[in-house]
Amino acid sequence: MNSVPTLQMSGRTDVGCAREHNEDQIAWDANAGLALLADGMGGHNAGEVASALAISVLHPLLRDLPGDTLEQEVGAQNAVADANTEILFKAASDAVFNGMGTTLALALFRGKGVMVGHVGDSRVYRLRRDRLEQLTADHSLLQEMVAGGFMTAEEARRAVNKNVITRALGIEPTVEVELHHHEVQAGDLYLLCSDGLNDMVTDNTIAKLLMNNRDNLDAAADALVAEANRCGGNDNISVILVRIVALKE
């Protein structure tokens, strides 16, 4: 697509130190300007079915979306609705899949902008020069407590129950994907991650690892996963990195 900026991308997904199976799923396509990450949940390894279904439905529907922001939003909402329906249909087909679901984080780069979307607590960050900024707000009980002033961000970070999410694909007949548009700059570095990274590694450490390896995305992705495992690796760990090399009109 002519409107896609020149991008470099890399990604890693790792089972971590505590889980037997990896229920995360990632996909990226630099030519299409698309990055997708899903963190599945559900017993009997059904989470990996939900996350894989989400990515398989979303990728072909999102990769060719145009540069118009309204068309992007409508396309993304429709694609997420289709993925949600597919997961629900699969869950109804076999009791082993009952209750399965998945979070979602996505980034679609067009022209001088990016559409960032998420459902649940998978995150998107941006490193611009030496400043790391979280572009998404978790759909979780903890985030609602912080937003309501009942808990500080630091108290939320130390909380035991971090993983109670309030929104996911595959749980209800309808689901709302939260979408935001941001201007991009050459040199920006975007990070999509599952909570297996940010629950283990502080934002300050994430920023340092990205800055230390900003010229080598493979090394940066490896460093993030290694640090999450060094800190305990309590969950599956997935990251996708996207660097803006050059913009297109």
Foldseek 3Di string as FASTA:
>chain_A
DQFQFQKDKDKDWFFFDADPDALKDWDDDSVLQKTKIKHKDAPPSLGNVLNVLLCVQQPVQQSPQAPDPVSNQVSNQVSLLVSLVVLQVVCVVDVRNPPMWIKMWMWHGGFQKIKIKIWAAWWKWKQDPLDIDTPDQGQAPLSVCCVVVNDPPVRLLVDPPNRHGDGTRHHDNHGDMDIDMDGHDAFMKMKTKDVLQCSQDPPVVLSVLCVVQVVPVVSSNVVSSVSSNVSPRNGMIMMMMMGRHGGGD
